Amino acid sequence: MEKRLYEVLLILPSNLNEEGILTELAKFDENVKNLGGNIEKLERQGKRKLGFNIKKHNDGYFVIAYVTLEVDKVERLKENCKYADNILRYFVTRKEAA
């Protein structure tokens, strides 16, 4: 199956300390690797105010991950993000080749 590059936006609770953020990112990395993918680049955007409350949080810690993954595994990645305890929101888009 063909692998493609995806951009994944994760919003974590802003009340996590540095260790908690690293733990969540390690879980995400393990999740991607279990699906046969790889994180190409990780951009930590930091704490930002949300436009509206999400699960009683009005701030979030934003992370953008660039992931190579097989096309048929993307839905599984979304499902895993949906049920993760410390991921408030996620958004997955396919990156077009430059």
Foldseek 3Di string as FASTA:
>chain_A
DDKFKKKKKFWFAQPDDPVRVVVVVVVLQVVQVVQVKHFPDKDWPAKDAAPDDQPNGRITTIMITIMIGDPVCVVVSVVVLVPDPGTRDMDMDTDDDD
